[in-house]
Amino acid sequence: MGFKDNKAKESKLIYFDSVKPTEVRWLAKPYLALGKVSVVQGDPGTGKSCLMLAIAAHISTGKALPFSNSEPISGNVIYQNAEDGASDTLKPRLISMGADCSKIAFIQAASLNIDEDIKILEQYVSETKAKLLVLDPFTAFMGSKADMCRATDIRRLMGGLMDIAEKHDCSVVAIAHMNKSAGSKDLYRSLGSIDIPAAARSVLLVGRDQDGDTRYVKQIKSSLAAEGTPFAFRINEDSSVDFLGDYEGESDESEETATPGEGGKRHKAAEIILGMLADGPRPSNEIIAACEASGISDTTAKRVKGYLGIKSVREPDEWYWSL
């Protein structure tokens, strides 16, 4: 069954009984899928670029990603960065991360942008058979004709990236900064139109823990699988990245920001936590259980933990909190 005339596009009606089911292929399950577009967002200075460079380094050598439960993939990477120098910043970082730099490339072109140069992007992804294409940041590659706050423009740009990802079995990652809308859910804080995270199949939030050194990654949108467990990483002085395993310090984005003394439950949580830690480290699940027994949610307990400067230490089998 089809339809065609001089004024309309040729079209065809497809019934789903004729569609063959296929499985999602993963670059890093469940965070980054092959053939799909993902967004990595966070405030400036949280380590978004270092995280993606570390992932690129792992892909270039075929090394397994510690936070993923998918099989390791080896391949080429195209990393477009508009904010850091190739020779004085990106190359030294890749070296410190143990990358195979012969498999990580960038496209050298004046004012490269998705709107006008989508064919160039596709050409190099096709030629290199790249498994990962990173645009860092996404807004730098939109082009002068596109308005980051206009839905139609964003859908056009994201649609072009989605076509590249699907046609070439490539994971495309757009790195996005966040706006300053305090109190808004993190998914709605992407700089520009909500259509940026809406078009992505996965959205990862990168943030900093209260200790200032630990960074965390939380999947705040997952359209292809169950949301992944938050994980932590640390950026060393040489810009190399250490993945630290599961992160359990992230608080709920909907929780109001307040100090422990501004609410009865927070004050009570502070008393419980400090009392239990007075004699030394205790398992975090014991402290949370004690708080819950007093009607305090684990989210509130973890938020108060951050205000008090309590440290988290991973032992072989569980997390411990300590003063």
C-alpha atoms as a PDB file:
ATOM      1  CA  MET A   1       0.000   0.000   0.000  1.00  0.00           C
ATOM      2  CA  GLY A   2       1.460   3.360  -0.998  1.00  0.00           C
ATOM      3  CA  PHE A   3       0.616   6.909  -1.912  1.00  0.00           C
ATOM      4  CA  LYS A   4       2.208   9.209  -4.477  1.00  0.00           C
ATOM      5  CA  ASP A   5       1.201  12.328  -6.376  1.00  0.00           C
ATOM      6  CA  ASN A   6       2.963  15.367  -7.762  1.00  0.00           C
ATOM      7  CA  LYS A   7       2.583  17.419  -4.584  1.00  0.00           C
ATOM      8  CA  ALA A   8       3.137  14.842  -1.833  1.00  0.00           C
ATOM      9  CA  LYS A   9       6.100  12.754  -0.789  1.00  0.00           C
ATOM     10  CA  GLU A  10       6.058   9.082  -1.689  1.00  0.00           C
ATOM     11  CA  SER A  11       4.902   7.176   1.390  1.00  0.00           C
ATOM     12  CA  LYS A  12       4.290   3.644   2.551  1.00  0.00           C
ATOM     13  CA  LEU A  13       2.233   2.179   5.397  1.00  0.00           C
ATOM     14  CA  ILE A  14       4.134  -0.361   7.541  1.00  0.00           C
ATOM     15  CA  TYR A  15       2.392  -2.790   9.883  1.00  0.00           C
ATOM     16  CA  PHE A  16       4.367  -3.812  12.953  1.00  0.00           C
ATOM     17  CA  ASP A  17       3.879  -7.516  12.247  1.00  0.00           C
ATOM     18  CA  SER A  18       6.409  -7.068   9.434  1.00  0.00           C
ATOM     19  CA  VAL A  19       8.999  -5.372  11.650  1.00  0.00           C
ATOM     20  CA  LYS A  20      11.769  -7.652  12.905  1.00  0.00           C
ATOM     21  CA  PRO A  21      12.639  -6.961  16.576  1.00  0.00           C
ATOM     22  CA  THR A  22      16.266  -6.101  17.260  1.00  0.00           C
ATOM     23  CA  GLU A  23      18.197  -5.613  20.475  1.00  0.00           C
ATOM     24  CA  VAL A  24      19.749  -2.324  21.552  1.00  0.00           C
ATOM     25  CA  ARG A  25      23.517  -2.369  21.185  1.00  0.00           C
ATOM     26  CA  TRP A  26      25.516  -0.615  23.852  1.00  0.00           C
ATOM     27  CA  LEU A  27      28.688   1.383  24.111  1.00  0.00           C
ATOM     28  CA  ALA A  28      28.275   1.519  27.894  1.00  0.00           C
ATOM     29  CA  LYS A  29      25.089  -0.141  29.134  1.00  0.00           C
ATOM     30  CA  PRO A  30      22.741   1.362  30.260  1.00  0.00           C
ATOM     31  CA  TYR A  31      24.251   4.833  29.925  1.00  0.00           C
ATOM     32  CA  LEU A  32      25.333   5.174  26.268  1.00  0.00           C
ATOM     33  CA  ALA A  33      23.810   3.239  23.374  1.00  0.00           C
ATOM     34  CA  LEU A  34      25.188   2.688  19.906  1.00  0.00           C
ATOM     35  CA  GLY A  35      23.009   4.176  17.191  1.00  0.00           C
ATOM     36  CA  LYS A  36      21.497   6.719  19.577  1.00  0.00           C
ATOM     37  CA  VAL A  37      22.056  10.269  20.825  1.00  0.00           C
ATOM     38  CA  SER A  38      22.777  10.935  24.500  1.00  0.00           C
ATOM     39  CA  VAL A  39      23.276  14.124  26.511  1.00  0.00           C
ATOM     40  CA  VAL A  40      25.838  14.654  29.264  1.00  0.00           C
ATOM     41  CA  GLN A  41      24.991  17.792  31.214  1.00  0.00           C
ATOM     42  CA  GLY A  42      26.183  19.584  34.316  1.00  0.00           C
ATOM     43  CA  ASP A  43      27.318  22.899  35.726  1.00  0.00           C
ATOM     44  CA  PRO A  44      30.704  24.306  34.622  1.00  0.00           C
ATOM     45  CA  GLY A  45      33.654  22.668  36.331  1.00  0.00           C
ATOM     46  CA  THR A  46      31.949  19.411  37.235  1.00  0.00           C
ATOM     47  CA  GLY A  47      34.186  17.319  34.954  1.00  0.00           C
ATOM     48  CA  LYS A  48      31.956  16.585  31.961  1.00  0.00           C
ATOM     49  CA  SER A  49      34.803  16.854  29.447  1.00  0.00           C
ATOM     50  CA  CYS A  50      37.232  14.782  31.529  1.00  0.00           C
ATOM     51  CA  LEU A  51      34.586  12.095  31.916  1.00  0.00           C
ATOM     52  CA  MET A  52      33.978  11.863  28.171  1.00  0.00           C
ATOM     53  CA  LEU A  53      37.713  11.967  27.387  1.00  0.00           C
ATOM     54  CA  ALA A  54      38.224   9.082  29.802  1.00  0.00           C
ATOM     55  CA  ILE A  55      35.440   7.131  28.078  1.00  0.00           C
ATOM     56  CA  ALA A  56      37.030   7.932  24.705  1.00  0.00           C
ATOM     57  CA  ALA A  57      40.389   6.667  26.015  1.00  0.00           C
ATOM     58  CA  HIS A  58      38.786   3.377  27.099  1.00  0.00           C
ATOM     59  CA  ILE A  59      37.108   2.952  23.693  1.00  0.00           C
ATOM     60  CA  SER A  60      40.397   3.640  21.877  1.00  0.00           C
ATOM     61  CA  THR A  61      42.145   0.784  23.707  1.00  0.00           C
ATOM     62  CA  GLY A  62      39.212  -1.583  24.080  1.00  0.00           C
ATOM     63  CA  LYS A  63      39.439  -1.366  27.850  1.00  0.00           C
ATOM     64  CA  ALA A  64      36.280  -2.186  29.794  1.00  0.00           C
ATOM     65  CA  LEU A  65      34.459   0.729  31.393  1.00  0.00           C
ATOM     66  CA  PRO A  66      34.238   0.005  35.143  1.00  0.00           C
ATOM     67  CA  PHE A  67      30.756   1.491  35.535  1.00  0.00           C
ATOM     68  CA  SER A  68      29.183  -0.451  32.648  1.00  0.00           C
ATOM     69  CA  ASN A  69      27.937  -4.030  32.478  1.00  0.00           C
ATOM     70  CA  SER A  70      28.266  -4.312  28.686  1.00  0.00           C
ATOM     71  CA  GLU A  71      31.086  -5.960  26.759  1.00  0.00           C
ATOM     72  CA  PRO A  72      34.040  -3.621  26.080  1.00  0.00           C
ATOM     73  CA  ILE A  73      34.165  -2.070  22.621  1.00  0.00           C
ATOM     74  CA  SER A  74      37.263  -1.004  20.715  1.00  0.00           C
ATOM     75  CA  GLY A  75      37.074   1.569  17.958  1.00  0.00           C
ATOM     76  CA  ASN A  76      37.698   5.071  16.719  1.00  0.00           C
ATOM     77  CA  VAL A  77      36.414   8.231  18.363  1.00  0.00           C
ATOM     78  CA  ILE A  78      35.745  11.714  16.959  1.00  0.00           C
ATOM     79  CA  TYR A  79      35.944  14.305  19.727  1.00  0.00           C
ATOM     80  CA  GLN A  80      34.943  17.847  18.743  1.00  0.00           C
ATOM     81  CA  ASN A  81      35.882  20.324  21.478  1.00  0.00           C
ATOM     82  CA  ALA A  82      35.361  24.065  21.034  1.00  0.00           C
ATOM     83  CA  GLU A  83      36.709  25.208  24.402  1.00  0.00           C
ATOM     84  CA  ASP A  84      40.079  23.493  24.979  1.00  0.00           C
ATOM     85  CA  GLY A  85      43.310  23.479  22.981  1.00  0.00           C
ATOM     86  CA  ALA A  86      44.179  20.272  21.128  1.00  0.00           C
ATOM     87  CA  SER A  87      47.913  20.409  21.874  1.00  0.00           C
ATOM     88  CA  ASP A  88      48.105  21.942  25.347  1.00  0.00           C
ATOM     89  CA  THR A  89      44.988  20.477  26.977  1.00  0.00           C
ATOM     90  CA  LEU A  90      43.293  17.616  25.145  1.00  0.00           C
ATOM     91  CA  LYS A  91      46.413  15.701  24.043  1.00  0.00           C
ATOM     92  CA  PRO A  92      48.068  15.812  27.510  1.00  0.00           C
ATOM     93  CA  ARG A  93      44.815  14.661  29.106  1.00  0.00           C
ATOM     94  CA  LEU A  94      44.475  11.760  26.675  1.00  0.00           C
ATOM     95  CA  ILE A  95      48.085  10.722  27.320  1.00  0.00           C
ATOM     96  CA  SER A  96      47.522  10.770  31.083  1.00  0.00           C
ATOM     97  CA  MET A  97      44.429   8.614  30.554  1.00  0.00           C
ATOM     98  CA  GLY A  98      46.369   5.991  28.604  1.00  0.00           C
ATOM     99  CA  ALA A  99      44.530   6.604  25.340  1.00  0.00           C
ATOM    100  CA  ASP A 100      45.574   5.302  21.950  1.00  0.00           C
ATOM    101  CA  CYS A 101      45.710   8.717  20.281  1.00  0.00           C
ATOM    102  CA  SER A 102      45.913   7.127  16.840  1.00  0.00           C
ATOM    103  CA  LYS A 103      42.242   6.224  17.259  1.00  0.00           C
ATOM    104  CA  ILE A 104      40.940   9.553  18.561  1.00  0.00           C
ATOM    105  CA  ALA A 105      40.516  12.389  16.061  1.00  0.00           C
ATOM    106  CA  PHE A 106      38.885  15.776  15.578  1.00  0.00           C
ATOM    107  CA  ILE A 107      37.665  17.510  12.435  1.00  0.00           C
ATOM    108  CA  GLN A 108      39.642  20.634  11.591  1.00  0.00           C
ATOM    109  CA  ALA A 109      37.287  23.011   9.795  1.00  0.00           C
ATOM    110  CA  ALA A 110      36.392  26.669  10.149  1.00  0.00           C
ATOM    111  CA  SER A 111      33.144  27.201  12.063  1.00  0.00           C
ATOM    112  CA  LEU A 112      32.073  23.576  11.832  1.00  0.00           C
ATOM    113  CA  ASN A 113      28.396  23.333  12.738  1.00  0.00           C
ATOM    114  CA  ILE A 114      25.628  20.753  12.627  1.00  0.00           C
ATOM    115  CA  ASP A 115      23.227  22.940  10.657  1.00  0.00           C
ATOM    116  CA  GLU A 116      25.435  23.538   7.618  1.00  0.00           C
ATOM    117  CA  ASP A 117      28.014  20.753   7.893  1.00  0.00           C
ATOM    118  CA  ILE A 118      26.002  17.676   8.851  1.00  0.00           C
ATOM    119  CA  LYS A 119      27.287  15.912   5.721  1.00  0.00           C
ATOM    120  CA  ILE A 120      30.885  16.572   6.792  1.00  0.00           C
ATOM    121  CA  LEU A 121      30.225  15.067  10.209  1.00  0.00           C
ATOM    122  CA  GLU A 122      28.588  12.043   8.623  1.00  0.00           C
ATOM    123  CA  GLN A 123      31.419  11.620   6.115  1.00  0.00           C
ATOM    124  CA  TYR A 124      34.093  11.360   8.811  1.00  0.00           C
ATOM    125  CA  VAL A 125      31.985   9.140  11.062  1.00  0.00           C
ATOM    126  CA  SER A 126      31.472   6.840   8.080  1.00  0.00           C
ATOM    127  CA  GLU A 127      35.136   6.872   6.994  1.00  0.00           C
ATOM    128  CA  THR A 128      36.491   6.154  10.478  1.00  0.00           C
ATOM    129  CA  LYS A 129      33.658   3.822  11.513  1.00  0.00           C
ATOM    130  CA  ALA A 130      33.650   5.835  14.726  1.00  0.00           C
ATOM    131  CA  LYS A 131      31.957   4.246  17.698  1.00  0.00           C
ATOM    132  CA  LEU A 132      31.712   7.556  19.537  1.00  0.00           C
ATOM    133  CA  LEU A 133      31.148  11.148  18.368  1.00  0.00           C
ATOM    134  CA  VAL A 134      31.320  13.844  21.054  1.00  0.00           C
ATOM    135  CA  LEU A 135      30.260  17.476  20.603  1.00  0.00           C
ATOM    136  CA  ASP A 136      31.729  19.504  23.470  1.00  0.00           C
ATOM    137  CA  PRO A 137      29.749  21.647  24.066  1.00  0.00           C
ATOM    138  CA  PHE A 138      26.735  21.066  21.840  1.00  0.00           C
ATOM    139  CA  THR A 139      25.843  24.778  21.654  1.00  0.00           C
ATOM    140  CA  ALA A 140      29.217  25.619  20.055  1.00  0.00           C
ATOM    141  CA  PHE A 141      28.327  23.480  17.028  1.00  0.00           C
ATOM    142  CA  MET A 142      24.770  24.667  16.415  1.00  0.00           C
ATOM    143  CA  GLY A 143      25.561  27.327  13.813  1.00  0.00           C
ATOM    144  CA  SER A 144      24.494  30.965  13.574  1.00  0.00           C
ATOM    145  CA  LYS A 145      21.151  30.182  11.951  1.00  0.00           C
ATOM    146  CA  ALA A 146      19.902  28.029  14.826  1.00  0.00           C
ATOM    147  CA  ASP A 147      18.330  29.411  17.977  1.00  0.00           C
ATOM    148  CA  MET A 148      19.076  27.235  21.002  1.00  0.00           C
ATOM    149  CA  CYS A 149      15.723  28.154  22.543  1.00  0.00           C
ATOM    150  CA  ARG A 150      13.609  27.464  19.443  1.00  0.00           C
ATOM    151  CA  ALA A 151      12.118  23.976  19.391  1.00  0.00           C
ATOM    152  CA  THR A 152      12.029  23.658  15.592  1.00  0.00           C
ATOM    153  CA  ASP A 153      15.736  24.474  15.306  1.00  0.00           C
ATOM    154  CA  ILE A 154      16.744  22.044  18.032  1.00  0.00           C
ATOM    155  CA  ARG A 155      14.623  19.263  16.549  1.00  0.00           C
ATOM    156  CA  ARG A 156      16.282  19.812  13.162  1.00  0.00           C
ATOM    157  CA  LEU A 157      19.802  19.630  14.644  1.00  0.00           C
ATOM    158  CA  MET A 158      19.074  16.694  16.925  1.00  0.00           C
ATOM    159  CA  GLY A 159      17.360  14.922  14.039  1.00  0.00           C
ATOM    160  CA  GLY A 160      20.527  15.213  11.952  1.00  0.00           C
ATOM    161  CA  LEU A 161      22.620  13.729  14.759  1.00  0.00           C
ATOM    162  CA  MET A 162      20.088  10.939  15.285  1.00  0.00           C
ATOM    163  CA  ASP A 163      20.350  10.034  11.584  1.00  0.00           C
ATOM    164  CA  ILE A 164      24.164   9.817  11.812  1.00  0.00           C
ATOM    165  CA  ALA A 165      24.009   7.705  14.961  1.00  0.00           C
ATOM    166  CA  GLU A 166      21.479   5.245  13.527  1.00  0.00           C
ATOM    167  CA  LYS A 167      22.980   4.917  10.051  1.00  0.00           C
ATOM    168  CA  HIS A 168      26.535   4.353  11.276  1.00  0.00           C
ATOM    169  CA  ASP A 169      25.960   2.494  14.557  1.00  0.00           C
ATOM    170  CA  CYS A 170      27.671   5.310  16.424  1.00  0.00           C
ATOM    171  CA  SER A 171      27.009   6.666  19.897  1.00  0.00           C
ATOM    172  CA  VAL A 172      26.614  10.449  19.629  1.00  0.00           C
ATOM    173  CA  VAL A 173      27.063  12.455  22.825  1.00  0.00           C
ATOM    174  CA  ALA A 174      26.142  16.131  23.163  1.00  0.00           C
ATOM    175  CA  ILE A 175      27.715  17.829  26.178  1.00  0.00           C
ATOM    176  CA  ALA A 176      25.432  20.531  27.560  1.00  0.00           C
ATOM    177  CA  HIS A 177      25.805  23.223  30.177  1.00  0.00           C
ATOM    178  CA  MET A 178      22.945  23.893  32.587  1.00  0.00           C
ATOM    179  CA  ASN A 179      20.963  27.034  33.283  1.00  0.00           C
ATOM    180  CA  LYS A 180      20.626  28.617  36.717  1.00  0.00           C
ATOM    181  CA  SER A 181      16.963  27.819  37.341  1.00  0.00           C
ATOM    182  CA  ALA A 182      17.160  27.012  41.028  1.00  0.00           C
ATOM    183  CA  GLY A 183      14.516  24.580  42.173  1.00  0.00           C
ATOM    184  CA  SER A 184      13.912  23.146  38.704  1.00  0.00           C
ATOM    185  CA  LYS A 185      14.349  19.442  38.077  1.00  0.00           C
ATOM    186  CA  ASP A 186      17.768  18.667  36.601  1.00  0.00           C
ATOM    187  CA  LEU A 187      16.258  17.335  33.367  1.00  0.00           C
ATOM    188  CA  TYR A 188      14.766  20.790  32.692  1.00  0.00           C
ATOM    189  CA  ARG A 189      17.964  22.706  33.422  1.00  0.00           C
ATOM    190  CA  SER A 190      19.686  22.053  30.080  1.00  0.00           C
ATOM    191  CA  LEU A 191      20.809  25.322  28.544  1.00  0.00           C
ATOM    192  CA  GLY A 192      18.356  26.090  25.743  1.00  0.00           C
ATOM    193  CA  SER A 193      15.278  24.216  24.582  1.00  0.00           C
ATOM    194  CA  ILE A 194      13.907  21.239  26.510  1.00  0.00           C
ATOM    195  CA  ASP A 195      13.947  19.493  23.122  1.00  0.00           C
ATOM    196  CA  ILE A 196      17.686  18.827  23.596  1.00  0.00           C
ATOM    197  CA  PRO A 197      17.235  16.292  26.428  1.00  0.00           C
ATOM    198  CA  ALA A 198      13.827  15.283  25.044  1.00  0.00           C
ATOM    199  CA  ALA A 199      15.413  13.997  21.827  1.00  0.00           C
ATOM    200  CA  ALA A 200      18.171  12.153  23.669  1.00  0.00           C
ATOM    201  CA  ARG A 201      17.623   8.532  24.638  1.00  0.00           C
ATOM    202  CA  SER A 202      19.809   8.942  27.716  1.00  0.00           C
ATOM    203  CA  VAL A 203      20.661  11.987  29.821  1.00  0.00           C
ATOM    204  CA  LEU A 204      23.518  11.883  32.321  1.00  0.00           C
ATOM    205  CA  LEU A 205      23.972  14.490  35.023  1.00  0.00           C
ATOM    206  CA  VAL A 206      27.529  15.180  36.225  1.00  0.00           C
ATOM    207  CA  GLY A 207      27.959  16.885  39.582  1.00  0.00           C
ATOM    208  CA  ARG A 208      30.347  17.369  42.484  1.00  0.00           C
ATOM    209  CA  ASP A 209      30.012  15.815  45.903  1.00  0.00           C
ATOM    210  CA  GLN A 210      30.117  17.902  49.068  1.00  0.00           C
ATOM    211  CA  ASP A 211      33.756  16.873  49.601  1.00  0.00           C
ATOM    212  CA  GLY A 212      34.719  18.876  46.492  1.00  0.00           C
ATOM    213  CA  ASP A 213      36.881  16.127  44.988  1.00  0.00           C
ATOM    214  CA  THR A 214      34.452  13.341  44.194  1.00  0.00           C
ATOM    215  CA  ARG A 215      32.371  13.733  41.033  1.00  0.00           C
ATOM    216  CA  TYR A 216      29.216  11.741  40.405  1.00  0.00           C
ATOM    217  CA  VAL A 217      27.235  10.693  37.353  1.00  0.00           C
ATOM    218  CA  LYS A 218      23.503  10.154  37.683  1.00  0.00           C
ATOM    219  CA  GLN A 219      21.286   8.961  34.839  1.00  0.00           C
ATOM    220  CA  ILE A 220      18.242  11.226  34.940  1.00  0.00           C
ATOM    221  CA  LYS A 221      16.644   9.921  31.736  1.00  0.00           C
ATOM    222  CA  SER A 222      16.782   6.430  30.276  1.00  0.00           C
ATOM    223  CA  SER A 223      14.478   5.512  27.383  1.00  0.00           C
ATOM    224  CA  LEU A 224      16.117   2.201  26.437  1.00  0.00           C
ATOM    225  CA  ALA A 225      16.684   0.369  29.717  1.00  0.00           C
ATOM    226  CA  ALA A 226      16.243   0.700  33.448  1.00  0.00           C
ATOM    227  CA  GLU A 227      18.153   3.685  34.841  1.00  0.00           C
ATOM    228  CA  GLY A 228      21.737   2.919  35.702  1.00  0.00           C
ATOM    229  CA  THR A 229      23.215   3.125  39.185  1.00  0.00           C
ATOM    230  CA  PRO A 230      24.888   6.469  39.973  1.00  0.00           C
ATOM    231  CA  PHE A 231      28.676   6.125  39.883  1.00  0.00           C
ATOM    232  CA  ALA A 232      31.586   8.246  41.059  1.00  0.00           C
ATOM    233  CA  PHE A 233      34.906   9.336  39.615  1.00  0.00           C
ATOM    234  CA  ARG A 234      37.851  11.483  40.619  1.00  0.00           C
ATOM    235  CA  ILE A 235      40.011  13.773  38.475  1.00  0.00           C
ATOM    236  CA  ASN A 236      43.683  13.605  39.432  1.00  0.00           C
ATOM    237  CA  GLU A 237      46.243  16.410  39.217  1.00  0.00           C
ATOM    238  CA  ASP A 238      47.431  15.164  35.824  1.00  0.00           C
ATOM    239  CA  SER A 239      43.774  15.171  34.613  1.00  0.00           C
ATOM    240  CA  SER A 240      43.603  11.377  34.555  1.00  0.00           C
ATOM    241  CA  VAL A 241      40.336   9.901  35.803  1.00  0.00           C
ATOM    242  CA  ASP A 242      39.807   7.209  38.432  1.00  0.00           C
ATOM    243  CA  PHE A 243      36.410   5.516  38.473  1.00  0.00           C
ATOM    244  CA  LEU A 244      35.392   4.915  42.090  1.00  0.00           C
ATOM    245  CA  GLY A 245      32.409   2.585  41.772  1.00  0.00           C
ATOM    246  CA  ASP A 246      28.835   3.206  42.875  1.00  0.00           C
ATOM    247  CA  TYR A 247      27.987   6.619  44.294  1.00  0.00           C
ATOM    248  CA  GLU A 248      25.524   6.737  47.148  1.00  0.00           C
ATOM    249  CA  GLY A 249      25.802  10.356  48.220  1.00  0.00           C
ATOM    250  CA  GLU A 250      23.517  11.965  45.617  1.00  0.00           C
ATOM    251  CA  SER A 251      20.415  13.578  47.085  1.00  0.00           C
ATOM    252  CA  ASP A 252      16.987  13.753  45.475  1.00  0.00           C
ATOM    253  CA  GLU A 253      16.695  16.689  43.053  1.00  0.00           C
ATOM    254  CA  SER A 254      13.211  17.508  44.336  1.00  0.00           C
ATOM    255  CA  GLU A 255      14.356  17.904  47.950  1.00  0.00           C
ATOM    256  CA  GLU A 256      14.310  21.537  49.064  1.00  0.00           C
ATOM    257  CA  THR A 257      17.658  23.060  49.909  1.00  0.00           C
ATOM    258  CA  ALA A 258      17.888  23.932  53.556  1.00  0.00           C
ATOM    259  CA  THR A 259      20.329  23.699  56.428  1.00  0.00           C
ATOM    260  CA  PRO A 260      19.862  21.028  59.111  1.00  0.00           C
ATOM    261  CA  GLY A 261      18.649  23.596  61.632  1.00  0.00           C
ATOM    262  CA  GLU A 262      15.816  24.838  59.399  1.00  0.00           C
ATOM    263  CA  GLY A 263      13.596  21.826  59.864  1.00  0.00           C
ATOM    264  CA  GLY A 264      12.746  19.443  62.670  1.00  0.00           C
ATOM    265  CA  LYS A 265      13.575  16.310  60.664  1.00  0.00           C
ATOM    266  CA  ARG A 266      16.915  17.691  59.523  1.00  0.00           C
ATOM    267  CA  HIS A 267      17.800  18.661  63.062  1.00  0.00           C
ATOM    268  CA  LYS A 268      16.832  15.194  64.288  1.00  0.00           C
ATOM    269  CA  ALA A 269      18.814  13.568  61.462  1.00  0.00           C
ATOM    270  CA  ALA A 270      21.886  15.578  62.427  1.00  0.00           C
ATOM    271  CA  GLU A 271      21.548  14.401  66.037  1.00  0.00           C
ATOM    272  CA  ILE A 272      21.234  10.749  65.001  1.00  0.00           C
ATOM    273  CA  ILE A 273      24.134  10.844  62.544  1.00  0.00           C
ATOM    274  CA  LEU A 274      26.542  12.667  64.851  1.00  0.00           C
ATOM    275  CA  GLY A 275      25.564  10.456  67.786  1.00  0.00           C
ATOM    276  CA  MET A 276      26.145   7.239  65.875  1.00  0.00           C
ATOM    277  CA  LEU A 277      29.508   8.415  64.510  1.00  0.00           C
ATOM    278  CA  ALA A 278      30.828   9.729  67.826  1.00  0.00           C
ATOM    279  CA  ASP A 279      32.729   6.494  68.474  1.00  0.00           C
ATOM    280  CA  GLY A 280      33.958   5.907  64.944  1.00  0.00           C
ATOM    281  CA  PRO A 281      32.807   4.946  61.416  1.00  0.00           C
ATOM    282  CA  ARG A 282      29.509   3.099  60.997  1.00  0.00           C
ATOM    283  CA  PRO A 283      27.913   1.347  57.994  1.00  0.00           C
ATOM    284  CA  SER A 284      25.791   3.822  56.082  1.00  0.00           C
ATOM    285  CA  ASN A 285      22.833   1.432  55.912  1.00  0.00           C
ATOM    286  CA  GLU A 286      22.742   1.263  59.740  1.00  0.00           C
ATOM    287  CA  ILE A 287      22.633   5.049  60.025  1.00  0.00           C
ATOM    288  CA  ILE A 288      19.970   5.389  57.339  1.00  0.00           C
ATOM    289  CA  ALA A 289      17.914   2.658  59.012  1.00  0.00           C
ATOM    290  CA  ALA A 290      18.109   4.545  62.331  1.00  0.00           C
ATOM    291  CA  CYS A 291      16.951   7.739  60.618  1.00  0.00           C
ATOM    292  CA  GLU A 292      14.078   5.955  58.867  1.00  0.00           C
ATOM    293  CA  ALA A 293      12.996   4.484  62.202  1.00  0.00           C
ATOM    294  CA  SER A 294      12.561   8.094  63.372  1.00  0.00           C
ATOM    295  CA  GLY A 295      10.500   9.032  60.310  1.00  0.00           C
ATOM    296  CA  ILE A 296      13.398  10.560  58.359  1.00  0.00           C
ATOM    297  CA  SER A 297      13.786   9.585  54.695  1.00  0.00           C
ATOM    298  CA  ASP A 298      17.107   8.307  53.352  1.00  0.00           C
ATOM    299  CA  THR A 299      17.158  11.339  51.018  1.00  0.00           C
ATOM    300  CA  THR A 300      17.004  13.740  53.971  1.00  0.00           C
ATOM    301  CA  ALA A 301      19.617  11.715  55.849  1.00  0.00           C
ATOM    302  CA  LYS A 302      22.021  11.870  52.910  1.00  0.00           C
ATOM    303  CA  ARG A 303      21.442  15.593  52.430  1.00  0.00           C
ATOM    304  CA  VAL A 304      22.165  16.270  56.112  1.00  0.00           C
ATOM    305  CA  LYS A 305      25.257  14.069  55.793  1.00  0.00           C
ATOM    306  CA  GLY A 306      26.506  16.469  53.132  1.00  0.00           C
ATOM    307  CA  TYR A 307      25.826  19.544  55.244  1.00  0.00           C
ATOM    308  CA  LEU A 308      27.729  18.003  58.159  1.00  0.00           C
ATOM    309  CA  GLY A 309      30.756  17.162  56.030  1.00  0.00           C
ATOM    310  CA  ILE A 310      30.463  13.435  56.737  1.00  0.00           C
ATOM    311  CA  LYS A 311      32.813  11.344  54.601  1.00  0.00           C
ATOM    312  CA  SER A 312      31.880   8.169  52.721  1.00  0.00           C
ATOM    313  CA  VAL A 313      34.418   5.342  52.574  1.00  0.00           C
ATOM    314  CA  ARG A 314      33.952   2.209  50.498  1.00  0.00           C
ATOM    315  CA  GLU A 315      35.006  -0.988  52.260  1.00  0.00           C
ATOM    316  CA  PRO A 316      35.033  -4.351  50.422  1.00  0.00           C
ATOM    317  CA  ASP A 317      31.321  -5.004  50.860  1.00  0.00           C
ATOM    318  CA  GLU A 318      29.610  -1.767  51.908  1.00  0.00           C
ATOM    319  CA  TRP A 319      29.825   1.982  52.485  1.00  0.00           C
ATOM    320  CA  TYR A 320      30.842   3.501  55.818  1.00  0.00           C
ATOM    321  CA  TRP A 321      30.260   7.044  57.052  1.00  0.00           C
ATOM    322  CA  SER A 322      32.795   8.772  59.273  1.00  0.00           C
ATOM    323  CA  LEU A 323      33.406  12.195  60.784  1.00  0.00           C
END
